[in-house]
Amino acid sequence: MLNALGIEEFEELVYRKLLDQGEQEVAELAAALGVAAVRVRHALTRLGEFGLVHRITVGRYRPVEPRTAVPALVNRRRLEMETAFGRVREEMEDLAHAYQLGRLRHDPGRLVEVLSGRAAVNQRVDELTRSIGAHLWVLDRPPYLEWANGQSDTNESETATTRAMIERGVDIRSVYCPDSMERPGRFATVLKLVALGEQARMLPSLPFKLRIMDRKVALVPLVGGSYDSLVIVHPSGLLDALVELFEAYWERATPITAGRRAGDFEAHDPDEPSEDDLILLKMLQAGLKDQAIARQLGVSSRTATRRITALMKKLGAETRFQTGAEAAARGWI
């Protein structure tokens, strides 16, 4: 849960153990967790830097109340991200100025390609996608292009393409937004891709579409509302800035996890969640609104709202926040 704030899994484990046990000695924590004391001491030092624990005496620590510590840490991370965005904007301006000064002395084709025309764009993107060997990092939002053969992406083709890259060992990281979920069933597809090995996160909005391939080339639509023209950025300061920009959005985004499936629960128990319940919970957790959820389910907004209300009733919740909290408490998500 806390990894989005920069806290590693073992550090969160130590923090949770302190929350459960109260004040503890390093040696006591190490024994309880079955690890070396030096590892626990290092985790406690980091947790202290995050403001999640206090050192009482040498070797003894107590946890800070989460409702105090976590919001303060969230605000701190938000400030760090805003500072990082400011640095990227400054760097982009410097790079743009340097490019303008040097364009008469250098061949711009070595730094960027500008493609025009849907057919040329589709063909070039298809070629670059097939050549990916190690990394594919994506800020995902419309517009979406067709493949070189003129076919549009489907949930099935997206799954097949992503599966093939994961099987080749490609590190796929995607940041989605609600606009990414216009195609019915895509959210469920993303959950399947996460189960296969894609790392996926969600933000309320994204400013533009971006693909970074093998950290060697970046693709950015030249005009935001269409895919008729495309800029391909090759190794340069501009590419470095785009990589840093992606990483800033990645750190800021909320992870999408595959979670449990209906088959993980006891069969035929009416109190256990169905597959539809679990997908609906994940969409609510990701922040999708009723209209976006309706598109994913292929139903009207009114029907989507009724299903959400029924799920809240099943969980005995009065608000959507309580719905998520109760589902987490039951181990559904």
C-alpha atoms as a PDB file:
ATOM      1  CA  MET A   1       0.000   0.000   0.000  1.00  0.00           C
ATOM      2  CA  LEU A   2       2.798   2.415   0.922  1.00  0.00           C
ATOM      3  CA  ASN A   3       5.109   1.692  -2.017  1.00  0.00           C
ATOM      4  CA  ALA A   4       3.656   4.668  -3.920  1.00  0.00           C
ATOM      5  CA  LEU A   5       5.159   6.845  -1.179  1.00  0.00           C
ATOM      6  CA  GLY A   6       8.643   5.392  -1.645  1.00  0.00           C
ATOM      7  CA  ILE A   7       8.425   2.852   1.193  1.00  0.00           C
ATOM      8  CA  GLU A   8       9.747  -0.599   0.358  1.00  0.00           C
ATOM      9  CA  GLU A   9       7.798  -3.780   1.099  1.00  0.00           C
ATOM     10  CA  PHE A  10      10.029  -4.887   4.004  1.00  0.00           C
ATOM     11  CA  GLU A  11       9.936  -1.407   5.548  1.00  0.00           C
ATOM     12  CA  GLU A  12       6.141  -1.467   5.487  1.00  0.00           C
ATOM     13  CA  LEU A  13       6.244  -4.932   7.081  1.00  0.00           C
ATOM     14  CA  VAL A  14       8.380  -3.571   9.938  1.00  0.00           C
ATOM     15  CA  TYR A  15       6.026  -0.595  10.371  1.00  0.00           C
ATOM     16  CA  ARG A  16       2.970  -2.844  10.492  1.00  0.00           C
ATOM     17  CA  LYS A  17       4.677  -5.071  13.061  1.00  0.00           C
ATOM     18  CA  LEU A  18       5.333  -2.016  15.234  1.00  0.00           C
ATOM     19  CA  LEU A  19       1.709  -0.902  14.859  1.00  0.00           C
ATOM     20  CA  ASP A  20       0.655  -4.343  16.039  1.00  0.00           C
ATOM     21  CA  GLN A  21       3.150  -4.681  18.904  1.00  0.00           C
ATOM     22  CA  GLY A  22       3.729  -1.075  20.013  1.00  0.00           C
ATOM     23  CA  GLU A  23       7.199  -0.126  21.256  1.00  0.00           C
ATOM     24  CA  GLN A  24       9.807  -2.726  20.334  1.00  0.00           C
ATOM     25  CA  GLU A  25      13.517  -3.347  20.509  1.00  0.00           C
ATOM     26  CA  VAL A  26      15.379  -3.961  17.263  1.00  0.00           C
ATOM     27  CA  ALA A  27      16.272  -7.443  18.481  1.00  0.00           C
ATOM     28  CA  GLU A  28      12.614  -8.210  19.276  1.00  0.00           C
ATOM     29  CA  LEU A  29      11.477  -7.110  15.825  1.00  0.00           C
ATOM     30  CA  ALA A  30      14.246  -9.079  14.130  1.00  0.00           C
ATOM     31  CA  ALA A  31      13.274 -12.216  16.049  1.00  0.00           C
ATOM     32  CA  ALA A  32       9.574 -11.745  15.275  1.00  0.00           C
ATOM     33  CA  LEU A  33      10.282 -11.265  11.558  1.00  0.00           C
ATOM     34  CA  GLY A  34      12.985 -13.925  11.365  1.00  0.00           C
ATOM     35  CA  VAL A  35      15.599 -11.644   9.812  1.00  0.00           C
ATOM     36  CA  ALA A  36      18.955 -10.147  10.761  1.00  0.00           C
ATOM     37  CA  ALA A  37      18.886  -7.227  13.201  1.00  0.00           C
ATOM     38  CA  VAL A  38      20.953  -5.072  10.822  1.00  0.00           C
ATOM     39  CA  ARG A  39      18.220  -5.316   8.204  1.00  0.00           C
ATOM     40  CA  VAL A  40      15.559  -4.232  10.712  1.00  0.00           C
ATOM     41  CA  ARG A  41      17.773  -1.381  11.946  1.00  0.00           C
ATOM     42  CA  HIS A  42      18.211  -0.121   8.382  1.00  0.00           C
ATOM     43  CA  ALA A  43      14.429  -0.286   7.792  1.00  0.00           C
ATOM     44  CA  LEU A  44      13.751   1.619  11.019  1.00  0.00           C
ATOM     45  CA  THR A  45      16.229   4.309  10.018  1.00  0.00           C
ATOM     46  CA  ARG A  46      14.384   4.759   6.737  1.00  0.00           C
ATOM     47  CA  LEU A  47      10.992   4.747   8.471  1.00  0.00           C
ATOM     48  CA  GLY A  48      12.297   7.425  10.818  1.00  0.00           C
ATOM     49  CA  GLU A  49      13.278   9.557   7.820  1.00  0.00           C
ATOM     50  CA  PHE A  50       9.730   9.131   6.508  1.00  0.00           C
ATOM     51  CA  GLY A  51       8.322  10.212   9.886  1.00  0.00           C
ATOM     52  CA  LEU A  52       6.617   6.858  10.541  1.00  0.00           C
ATOM     53  CA  VAL A  53       8.565   5.839  13.663  1.00  0.00           C
ATOM     54  CA  HIS A  54      10.270   7.543  16.610  1.00  0.00           C
ATOM     55  CA  ARG A  55      13.386   6.285  18.366  1.00  0.00           C
ATOM     56  CA  ILE A  56      12.674   6.177  22.114  1.00  0.00           C
ATOM     57  CA  THR A  57      16.119   5.069  23.244  1.00  0.00           C
ATOM     58  CA  VAL A  58      19.063   3.421  21.554  1.00  0.00           C
ATOM     59  CA  GLY A  59      17.682   0.356  19.805  1.00  0.00           C
ATOM     60  CA  ARG A  60      14.042   0.938  20.819  1.00  0.00           C
ATOM     61  CA  TYR A  61      11.334   2.400  18.576  1.00  0.00           C
ATOM     62  CA  ARG A  62       7.629   3.190  18.594  1.00  0.00           C
ATOM     63  CA  PRO A  63       5.287   3.801  15.618  1.00  0.00           C
ATOM     64  CA  VAL A  64       3.731   7.148  14.801  1.00  0.00           C
ATOM     65  CA  GLU A  65      -0.059   7.215  14.491  1.00  0.00           C
ATOM     66  CA  PRO A  66      -0.820   6.485  10.775  1.00  0.00           C
ATOM     67  CA  ARG A  67      -3.518   9.151  10.534  1.00  0.00           C
ATOM     68  CA  THR A  68      -0.840  11.677  11.468  1.00  0.00           C
ATOM     69  CA  ALA A  69       2.215  10.253   9.719  1.00  0.00           C
ATOM     70  CA  VAL A  70       0.805   9.115   6.375  1.00  0.00           C
ATOM     71  CA  PRO A  71      -0.945  12.367   5.333  1.00  0.00           C
ATOM     72  CA  ALA A  72       2.218  14.287   6.205  1.00  0.00           C
ATOM     73  CA  LEU A  73       4.236  11.886   4.051  1.00  0.00           C
ATOM     74  CA  VAL A  74       1.731  12.211   1.184  1.00  0.00           C
ATOM     75  CA  ASN A  75       2.083  16.001   1.291  1.00  0.00           C
ATOM     76  CA  ARG A  76       5.856  15.684   1.334  1.00  0.00           C
ATOM     77  CA  ARG A  77       5.856  13.374  -1.698  1.00  0.00           C
ATOM     78  CA  ARG A  78       3.452  15.688  -3.530  1.00  0.00           C
ATOM     79  CA  LEU A  79       5.811  18.615  -2.948  1.00  0.00           C
ATOM     80  CA  GLU A  80       8.744  16.538  -4.192  1.00  0.00           C
ATOM     81  CA  MET A  81       6.810  15.596  -7.347  1.00  0.00           C
ATOM     82  CA  GLU A  82       5.829  19.202  -8.012  1.00  0.00           C
ATOM     83  CA  THR A  83       9.468  20.218  -7.618  1.00  0.00           C
ATOM     84  CA  ALA A  84      10.488  17.453 -10.041  1.00  0.00           C
ATOM     85  CA  PHE A  85       7.882  18.623 -12.566  1.00  0.00           C
ATOM     86  CA  GLY A  86       9.259  22.150 -12.274  1.00  0.00           C
ATOM     87  CA  ARG A  87      12.789  20.916 -12.995  1.00  0.00           C
ATOM     88  CA  VAL A  88      11.565  18.966 -16.028  1.00  0.00           C
ATOM     89  CA  ARG A  89       9.758  22.025 -17.391  1.00  0.00           C
ATOM     90  CA  GLU A  90      12.896  24.118 -16.931  1.00  0.00           C
ATOM     91  CA  GLU A  91      14.993  21.436 -18.618  1.00  0.00           C
ATOM     92  CA  MET A  92      12.538  21.223 -21.507  1.00  0.00           C
ATOM     93  CA  GLU A  93      12.807  24.974 -22.039  1.00  0.00           C
ATOM     94  CA  ASP A  94      16.627  24.825 -21.940  1.00  0.00           C
ATOM     95  CA  LEU A  95      16.654  21.921 -24.380  1.00  0.00           C
ATOM     96  CA  ALA A  96      14.250  23.653 -26.726  1.00  0.00           C
ATOM     97  CA  HIS A  97      16.438  26.765 -26.692  1.00  0.00           C
ATOM     98  CA  ALA A  98      19.584  24.719 -27.335  1.00  0.00           C
ATOM     99  CA  TYR A  99      17.853  22.939 -30.188  1.00  0.00           C
ATOM    100  CA  GLN A 100      16.793  26.185 -31.806  1.00  0.00           C
ATOM    101  CA  LEU A 101      20.357  27.510 -31.627  1.00  0.00           C
ATOM    102  CA  GLY A 102      21.912  24.347 -32.986  1.00  0.00           C
ATOM    103  CA  ARG A 103      19.429  23.330 -35.657  1.00  0.00           C
ATOM    104  CA  LEU A 104      21.329  25.249 -38.338  1.00  0.00           C
ATOM    105  CA  ARG A 105      24.573  23.452 -37.399  1.00  0.00           C
ATOM    106  CA  HIS A 106      23.224  19.934 -37.042  1.00  0.00           C
ATOM    107  CA  ASP A 107      20.970  17.626 -38.943  1.00  0.00           C
ATOM    108  CA  PRO A 108      17.675  17.537 -36.976  1.00  0.00           C
ATOM    109  CA  GLY A 109      16.959  14.120 -38.449  1.00  0.00           C
ATOM    110  CA  ARG A 110      19.525  12.694 -36.071  1.00  0.00           C
ATOM    111  CA  LEU A 111      17.498  13.838 -33.068  1.00  0.00           C
ATOM    112  CA  VAL A 112      13.874  13.691 -34.169  1.00  0.00           C
ATOM    113  CA  GLU A 113      11.721  12.280 -36.929  1.00  0.00           C
ATOM    114  CA  VAL A 114       8.470  14.003 -37.823  1.00  0.00           C
ATOM    115  CA  LEU A 115       5.988  11.717 -39.551  1.00  0.00           C
ATOM    116  CA  SER A 116       2.832  12.900 -41.270  1.00  0.00           C
ATOM    117  CA  GLY A 117      -0.068  10.848 -42.584  1.00  0.00           C
ATOM    118  CA  ARG A 118      -1.887   8.049 -40.822  1.00  0.00           C
ATOM    119  CA  ALA A 119      -0.430   5.281 -43.015  1.00  0.00           C
ATOM    120  CA  ALA A 120       3.181   6.410 -42.453  1.00  0.00           C
ATOM    121  CA  VAL A 121       2.598   6.795 -38.705  1.00  0.00           C
ATOM    122  CA  ASN A 122       0.971   3.374 -38.373  1.00  0.00           C
ATOM    123  CA  GLN A 123       3.745   1.664 -40.360  1.00  0.00           C
ATOM    124  CA  ARG A 124       6.609   3.270 -38.401  1.00  0.00           C
ATOM    125  CA  VAL A 125       5.026   2.622 -34.998  1.00  0.00           C
ATOM    126  CA  ASP A 126       4.419  -1.000 -36.000  1.00  0.00           C
ATOM    127  CA  GLU A 127       8.106  -1.371 -36.945  1.00  0.00           C
ATOM    128  CA  LEU A 128       9.325   0.177 -33.685  1.00  0.00           C
ATOM    129  CA  THR A 129       6.925  -1.908 -31.582  1.00  0.00           C
ATOM    130  CA  ARG A 130       8.188  -5.122 -33.151  1.00  0.00           C
ATOM    131  CA  SER A 131      11.778  -4.123 -32.363  1.00  0.00           C
ATOM    132  CA  ILE A 132      11.246  -3.622 -28.578  1.00  0.00           C
ATOM    133  CA  GLY A 133      13.735  -5.700 -26.628  1.00  0.00           C
ATOM    134  CA  ALA A 134      13.838  -4.557 -22.979  1.00  0.00           C
ATOM    135  CA  HIS A 135      11.483  -1.704 -22.030  1.00  0.00           C
ATOM    136  CA  LEU A 136       8.095  -0.308 -23.012  1.00  0.00           C
ATOM    137  CA  TRP A 137       6.947   2.586 -20.833  1.00  0.00           C
ATOM    138  CA  VAL A 138       3.625   4.203 -21.686  1.00  0.00           C
ATOM    139  CA  LEU A 139       1.475   7.158 -20.713  1.00  0.00           C
ATOM    140  CA  ASP A 140      -1.765   5.786 -22.109  1.00  0.00           C
ATOM    141  CA  ARG A 141      -4.632   7.947 -23.330  1.00  0.00           C
ATOM    142  CA  PRO A 142      -6.378   8.613 -26.636  1.00  0.00           C
ATOM    143  CA  PRO A 143      -5.808   8.973 -29.548  1.00  0.00           C
ATOM    144  CA  TYR A 144      -5.229   5.333 -30.475  1.00  0.00           C
ATOM    145  CA  LEU A 145      -3.780   4.324 -33.800  1.00  0.00           C
ATOM    146  CA  GLU A 146      -4.521   1.433 -36.101  1.00  0.00           C
ATOM    147  CA  TRP A 147      -2.007  -1.275 -36.885  1.00  0.00           C
ATOM    148  CA  ALA A 148      -0.194  -1.197 -40.203  1.00  0.00           C
ATOM    149  CA  ASN A 149      -2.755  -3.642 -41.619  1.00  0.00           C
ATOM    150  CA  GLY A 150      -5.536  -1.138 -40.885  1.00  0.00           C
ATOM    151  CA  GLN A 151      -7.061  -3.097 -37.995  1.00  0.00           C
ATOM    152  CA  SER A 152      -7.931  -1.354 -34.734  1.00  0.00           C
ATOM    153  CA  ASP A 153      -6.724  -2.634 -31.371  1.00  0.00           C
ATOM    154  CA  THR A 154      -9.066  -4.978 -29.489  1.00  0.00           C
ATOM    155  CA  ASN A 155      -8.902  -6.441 -26.003  1.00  0.00           C
ATOM    156  CA  GLU A 156      -7.812  -9.737 -27.539  1.00  0.00           C
ATOM    157  CA  SER A 157      -5.080  -8.233 -29.737  1.00  0.00           C
ATOM    158  CA  GLU A 158      -3.795  -6.091 -26.853  1.00  0.00           C
ATOM    159  CA  THR A 159      -3.587  -9.164 -24.618  1.00  0.00           C
ATOM    160  CA  ALA A 160      -1.775 -11.203 -27.287  1.00  0.00           C
ATOM    161  CA  THR A 161       0.733  -8.427 -28.071  1.00  0.00           C
ATOM    162  CA  THR A 162       1.477  -7.710 -24.421  1.00  0.00           C
ATOM    163  CA  ARG A 163       1.765 -11.398 -23.536  1.00  0.00           C
ATOM    164  CA  ALA A 164       4.311 -11.903 -26.322  1.00  0.00           C
ATOM    165  CA  MET A 165       6.450  -9.008 -25.065  1.00  0.00           C
ATOM    166  CA  ILE A 166       6.283 -10.178 -21.446  1.00  0.00           C
ATOM    167  CA  GLU A 167       7.339 -13.661 -22.516  1.00  0.00           C
ATOM    168  CA  ARG A 168      10.370 -12.030 -24.194  1.00  0.00           C
ATOM    169  CA  GLY A 169      11.231 -10.394 -20.869  1.00  0.00           C
ATOM    170  CA  VAL A 170      10.144  -6.840 -21.775  1.00  0.00           C
ATOM    171  CA  ASP A 171       9.610  -4.546 -18.769  1.00  0.00           C
ATOM    172  CA  ILE A 172       6.180  -3.032 -19.458  1.00  0.00           C
ATOM    173  CA  ARG A 173       5.043  -0.093 -17.345  1.00  0.00           C
ATOM    174  CA  SER A 174       1.817   1.701 -18.197  1.00  0.00           C
ATOM    175  CA  VAL A 175       0.165   4.707 -16.601  1.00  0.00           C
ATOM    176  CA  TYR A 176      -3.545   4.818 -17.476  1.00  0.00           C
ATOM    177  CA  CYS A 177      -6.267   7.401 -16.897  1.00  0.00           C
ATOM    178  CA  PRO A 178     -10.084   7.191 -17.092  1.00  0.00           C
ATOM    179  CA  ASP A 179      -9.935   8.289 -20.752  1.00  0.00           C
ATOM    180  CA  SER A 180      -7.943   5.103 -21.429  1.00  0.00           C
ATOM    181  CA  MET A 181     -11.029   3.073 -20.576  1.00  0.00           C
ATOM    182  CA  GLU A 182     -13.293   4.046 -23.464  1.00  0.00           C
ATOM    183  CA  ARG A 183     -13.196   0.568 -25.024  1.00  0.00           C
ATOM    184  CA  PRO A 184     -15.667  -1.760 -23.252  1.00  0.00           C
ATOM    185  CA  GLY A 185     -13.920  -4.452 -21.230  1.00  0.00           C
ATOM    186  CA  ARG A 186     -10.526  -2.766 -21.299  1.00  0.00           C
ATOM    187  CA  PHE A 187     -10.214  -2.437 -17.526  1.00  0.00           C
ATOM    188  CA  ALA A 188     -10.724  -6.184 -17.128  1.00  0.00           C
ATOM    189  CA  THR A 189      -8.118  -6.645 -19.863  1.00  0.00           C
ATOM    190  CA  VAL A 190      -5.645  -4.464 -17.945  1.00  0.00           C
ATOM    191  CA  LEU A 191      -6.204  -6.619 -14.841  1.00  0.00           C
ATOM    192  CA  LYS A 192      -5.364  -9.705 -16.923  1.00  0.00           C
ATOM    193  CA  LEU A 193      -2.233  -8.005 -18.258  1.00  0.00           C
ATOM    194  CA  VAL A 194      -1.166  -7.160 -14.705  1.00  0.00           C
ATOM    195  CA  ALA A 195      -1.606 -10.819 -13.771  1.00  0.00           C
ATOM    196  CA  LEU A 196       0.643 -11.695 -16.728  1.00  0.00           C
ATOM    197  CA  GLY A 197       3.376  -9.306 -15.580  1.00  0.00           C
ATOM    198  CA  GLU A 198       2.613  -5.792 -16.797  1.00  0.00           C
ATOM    199  CA  GLN A 199       3.102  -3.075 -14.193  1.00  0.00           C
ATOM    200  CA  ALA A 200       0.114  -0.732 -14.367  1.00  0.00           C
ATOM    201  CA  ARG A 201      -0.853   2.426 -12.522  1.00  0.00           C
ATOM    202  CA  MET A 202      -3.664   4.976 -12.716  1.00  0.00           C
ATOM    203  CA  LEU A 203      -3.880   8.775 -12.602  1.00  0.00           C
ATOM    204  CA  PRO A 204      -7.004  10.958 -12.820  1.00  0.00           C
ATOM    205  CA  SER A 205      -5.669  12.553 -16.025  1.00  0.00           C
ATOM    206  CA  LEU A 206      -2.666  12.612 -18.357  1.00  0.00           C
ATOM    207  CA  PRO A 207      -1.550  15.588 -20.472  1.00  0.00           C
ATOM    208  CA  PHE A 208      -0.530  13.635 -23.574  1.00  0.00           C
ATOM    209  CA  LYS A 209       0.229  10.189 -24.933  1.00  0.00           C
ATOM    210  CA  LEU A 210       3.806   8.907 -24.700  1.00  0.00           C
ATOM    211  CA  ARG A 211       5.653   5.706 -25.507  1.00  0.00           C
ATOM    212  CA  ILE A 212       9.269   5.116 -24.515  1.00  0.00           C
ATOM    213  CA  MET A 213      10.882   2.080 -26.122  1.00  0.00           C
ATOM    214  CA  ASP A 214      14.050   0.559 -24.692  1.00  0.00           C
ATOM    215  CA  ARG A 215      14.888   4.021 -23.291  1.00  0.00           C
ATOM    216  CA  LYS A 216      16.289   4.725 -26.768  1.00  0.00           C
ATOM    217  CA  VAL A 217      13.321   6.247 -28.557  1.00  0.00           C
ATOM    218  CA  ALA A 218      10.149   8.108 -27.530  1.00  0.00           C
ATOM    219  CA  LEU A 219       6.926   8.557 -29.497  1.00  0.00           C
ATOM    220  CA  VAL A 220       4.718  11.623 -28.970  1.00  0.00           C
ATOM    221  CA  PRO A 221       1.705  12.643 -31.114  1.00  0.00           C
ATOM    222  CA  LEU A 222       2.426  16.054 -32.622  1.00  0.00           C
ATOM    223  CA  VAL A 223      -1.227  17.123 -32.398  1.00  0.00           C
ATOM    224  CA  GLY A 224      -3.001  16.013 -29.240  1.00  0.00           C
ATOM    225  CA  GLY A 225      -6.371  15.135 -30.781  1.00  0.00           C
ATOM    226  CA  SER A 226      -5.170  12.951 -33.642  1.00  0.00           C
ATOM    227  CA  TYR A 227      -2.558  10.421 -34.630  1.00  0.00           C
ATOM    228  CA  ASP A 228      -1.977  11.778 -38.139  1.00  0.00           C
ATOM    229  CA  SER A 229       1.423  13.210 -37.177  1.00  0.00           C
ATOM    230  CA  LEU A 230       4.048  11.905 -34.805  1.00  0.00           C
ATOM    231  CA  VAL A 231       7.383  12.962 -33.354  1.00  0.00           C
ATOM    232  CA  ILE A 232       9.950  10.214 -32.800  1.00  0.00           C
ATOM    233  CA  VAL A 233      12.666  11.373 -30.393  1.00  0.00           C
ATOM    234  CA  HIS A 234      16.052   9.655 -30.552  1.00  0.00           C
ATOM    235  CA  PRO A 235      18.811   9.657 -27.862  1.00  0.00           C
ATOM    236  CA  SER A 236      19.257  13.276 -26.773  1.00  0.00           C
ATOM    237  CA  GLY A 237      18.668  15.600 -23.867  1.00  0.00           C
ATOM    238  CA  LEU A 238      15.040  15.795 -24.981  1.00  0.00           C
ATOM    239  CA  LEU A 239      14.669  12.014 -24.666  1.00  0.00           C
ATOM    240  CA  ASP A 240      16.260  12.142 -21.202  1.00  0.00           C
ATOM    241  CA  ALA A 241      13.703  14.779 -20.184  1.00  0.00           C
ATOM    242  CA  LEU A 242      10.814  12.619 -21.450  1.00  0.00           C
ATOM    243  CA  VAL A 243      12.144   9.621 -19.508  1.00  0.00           C
ATOM    244  CA  GLU A 244      12.336  11.735 -16.352  1.00  0.00           C
ATOM    245  CA  LEU A 245       8.826  13.032 -17.000  1.00  0.00           C
ATOM    246  CA  PHE A 246       7.478   9.486 -17.306  1.00  0.00           C
ATOM    247  CA  GLU A 247       9.205   8.453 -14.080  1.00  0.00           C
ATOM    248  CA  ALA A 248       7.658  11.440 -12.268  1.00  0.00           C
ATOM    249  CA  TYR A 249       4.154  10.468 -13.397  1.00  0.00           C
ATOM    250  CA  TRP A 250       4.880   6.816 -12.555  1.00  0.00           C
ATOM    251  CA  GLU A 251       5.845   7.696  -8.984  1.00  0.00           C
ATOM    252  CA  ARG A 252       2.717   9.805  -8.605  1.00  0.00           C
ATOM    253  CA  ALA A 253       0.283   7.173  -9.934  1.00  0.00           C
ATOM    254  CA  THR A 254      -1.697   4.580  -7.956  1.00  0.00           C
ATOM    255  CA  PRO A 255      -0.793   0.920  -8.663  1.00  0.00           C
ATOM    256  CA  ILE A 256      -3.400  -1.320 -10.286  1.00  0.00           C
ATOM    257  CA  THR A 257      -3.091  -4.812  -8.831  1.00  0.00           C
ATOM    258  CA  ALA A 258      -4.515  -8.033 -10.241  1.00  0.00           C
ATOM    259  CA  GLY A 259      -5.867  -9.001  -6.817  1.00  0.00           C
ATOM    260  CA  ARG A 260      -7.834 -12.135  -6.058  1.00  0.00           C
ATOM    261  CA  ARG A 261     -10.232 -13.914  -8.391  1.00  0.00           C
ATOM    262  CA  ALA A 262     -13.639 -15.370  -7.636  1.00  0.00           C
ATOM    263  CA  GLY A 263     -12.137 -18.862  -7.752  1.00  0.00           C
ATOM    264  CA  ASP A 264      -9.931 -18.005  -4.779  1.00  0.00           C
ATOM    265  CA  PHE A 265     -12.980 -17.902  -2.515  1.00  0.00           C
ATOM    266  CA  GLU A 266     -15.172 -20.688  -1.202  1.00  0.00           C
ATOM    267  CA  ALA A 267     -17.519 -21.863  -3.950  1.00  0.00           C
ATOM    268  CA  HIS A 268     -21.280 -21.294  -3.731  1.00  0.00           C
ATOM    269  CA  ASP A 269     -21.013 -18.981  -0.720  1.00  0.00           C
ATOM    270  CA  PRO A 270     -23.473 -16.112  -1.376  1.00  0.00           C
ATOM    271  CA  ASP A 271     -21.439 -13.803   0.871  1.00  0.00           C
ATOM    272  CA  GLU A 272     -18.311 -14.183  -1.246  1.00  0.00           C
ATOM    273  CA  PRO A 273     -17.654 -11.862  -4.229  1.00  0.00           C
ATOM    274  CA  SER A 274     -18.356 -12.801  -7.813  1.00  0.00           C
ATOM    275  CA  GLU A 275     -15.910 -12.085 -10.622  1.00  0.00           C
ATOM    276  CA  ASP A 276     -18.040  -9.064 -11.580  1.00  0.00           C
ATOM    277  CA  ASP A 277     -17.932  -7.821  -7.966  1.00  0.00           C
ATOM    278  CA  LEU A 278     -14.145  -7.972  -7.908  1.00  0.00           C
ATOM    279  CA  ILE A 279     -13.739  -6.142 -11.230  1.00  0.00           C
ATOM    280  CA  LEU A 280     -16.234  -3.501 -10.092  1.00  0.00           C
ATOM    281  CA  LEU A 281     -14.289  -3.024  -6.835  1.00  0.00           C
ATOM    282  CA  LYS A 282     -11.052  -2.615  -8.784  1.00  0.00           C
ATOM    283  CA  MET A 283     -12.643   0.019 -11.008  1.00  0.00           C
ATOM    284  CA  LEU A 284     -13.908   1.910  -7.969  1.00  0.00           C
ATOM    285  CA  GLN A 285     -10.472   1.603  -6.374  1.00  0.00           C
ATOM    286  CA  ALA A 286      -8.927   3.041  -9.554  1.00  0.00           C
ATOM    287  CA  GLY A 287     -11.233   6.057  -9.341  1.00  0.00           C
ATOM    288  CA  LEU A 288     -13.437   5.389 -12.389  1.00  0.00           C
ATOM    289  CA  LYS A 289     -16.741   7.246 -12.391  1.00  0.00           C
ATOM    290  CA  ASP A 290     -20.125   5.646 -13.084  1.00  0.00           C
ATOM    291  CA  GLN A 291     -20.087   6.579 -16.779  1.00  0.00           C
ATOM    292  CA  ALA A 292     -16.632   5.051 -17.325  1.00  0.00           C
ATOM    293  CA  ILE A 293     -17.642   1.945 -15.356  1.00  0.00           C
ATOM    294  CA  ALA A 294     -20.788   1.658 -17.481  1.00  0.00           C
ATOM    295  CA  ARG A 295     -18.666   1.678 -20.677  1.00  0.00           C
ATOM    296  CA  GLN A 296     -16.456  -1.067 -19.284  1.00  0.00           C
ATOM    297  CA  LEU A 297     -19.443  -3.214 -18.346  1.00  0.00           C
ATOM    298  CA  GLY A 298     -21.299  -2.459 -21.584  1.00  0.00           C
ATOM    299  CA  VAL A 299     -24.360  -1.184 -19.708  1.00  0.00           C
ATOM    300  CA  SER A 300     -26.092   2.145 -19.090  1.00  0.00           C
ATOM    301  CA  SER A 301     -24.889   4.551 -16.403  1.00  0.00           C
ATOM    302  CA  ARG A 302     -28.077   3.857 -14.467  1.00  0.00           C
ATOM    303  CA  THR A 303     -27.408   0.111 -14.499  1.00  0.00           C
ATOM    304  CA  ALA A 304     -23.802   0.658 -13.435  1.00  0.00           C
ATOM    305  CA  THR A 305     -24.988   2.816 -10.522  1.00  0.00           C
ATOM    306  CA  ARG A 306     -27.451   0.092  -9.483  1.00  0.00           C
ATOM    307  CA  ARG A 307     -24.675  -2.520  -9.493  1.00  0.00           C
ATOM    308  CA  ILE A 308     -22.462  -0.270  -7.383  1.00  0.00           C
ATOM    309  CA  THR A 309     -25.343   0.292  -4.943  1.00  0.00           C
ATOM    310  CA  ALA A 310     -25.971  -3.468  -4.754  1.00  0.00           C
ATOM    311  CA  LEU A 311     -22.306  -4.094  -4.043  1.00  0.00           C
ATOM    312  CA  MET A 312     -22.309  -1.451  -1.285  1.00  0.00           C
ATOM    313  CA  LYS A 313     -25.363  -3.122   0.238  1.00  0.00           C
ATOM    314  CA  LYS A 314     -23.672  -6.523   0.065  1.00  0.00           C
ATOM    315  CA  LEU A 315     -20.738  -5.091   2.008  1.00  0.00           C
ATOM    316  CA  GLY A 316     -22.948  -3.171   4.428  1.00  0.00           C
ATOM    317  CA  ALA A 317     -21.354   0.117   3.354  1.00  0.00           C
ATOM    318  CA  GLU A 318     -22.992   3.531   3.107  1.00  0.00           C
ATOM    319  CA  THR A 319     -20.272   5.302   1.084  1.00  0.00           C
ATOM    320  CA  ARG A 320     -17.852   4.282  -1.638  1.00  0.00           C
ATOM    321  CA  PHE A 321     -14.950   4.876   0.708  1.00  0.00           C
ATOM    322  CA  GLN A 322     -16.500   2.477   3.214  1.00  0.00           C
ATOM    323  CA  THR A 323     -17.035   0.014   0.358  1.00  0.00           C
ATOM    324  CA  GLY A 324     -13.318  -0.055  -0.406  1.00  0.00           C
ATOM    325  CA  ALA A 325     -12.357  -0.240   3.266  1.00  0.00           C
ATOM    326  CA  GLU A 326     -14.765  -3.115   3.948  1.00  0.00           C
ATOM    327  CA  ALA A 327     -13.657  -5.007   0.827  1.00  0.00           C
ATOM    328  CA  ALA A 328     -10.030  -4.648   1.916  1.00  0.00           C
ATOM    329  CA  ALA A 329     -10.892  -5.773   5.455  1.00  0.00           C
ATOM    330  CA  ARG A 330     -12.515  -8.922   4.019  1.00  0.00           C
ATOM    331  CA  GLY A 331      -9.505  -9.609   1.839  1.00  0.00           C
ATOM    332  CA  TRP A 332     -11.398  -9.145  -1.408  1.00  0.00           C
ATOM    333  CA  ILE A 333      -8.918  -6.615  -2.784  1.00  0.00           C
END
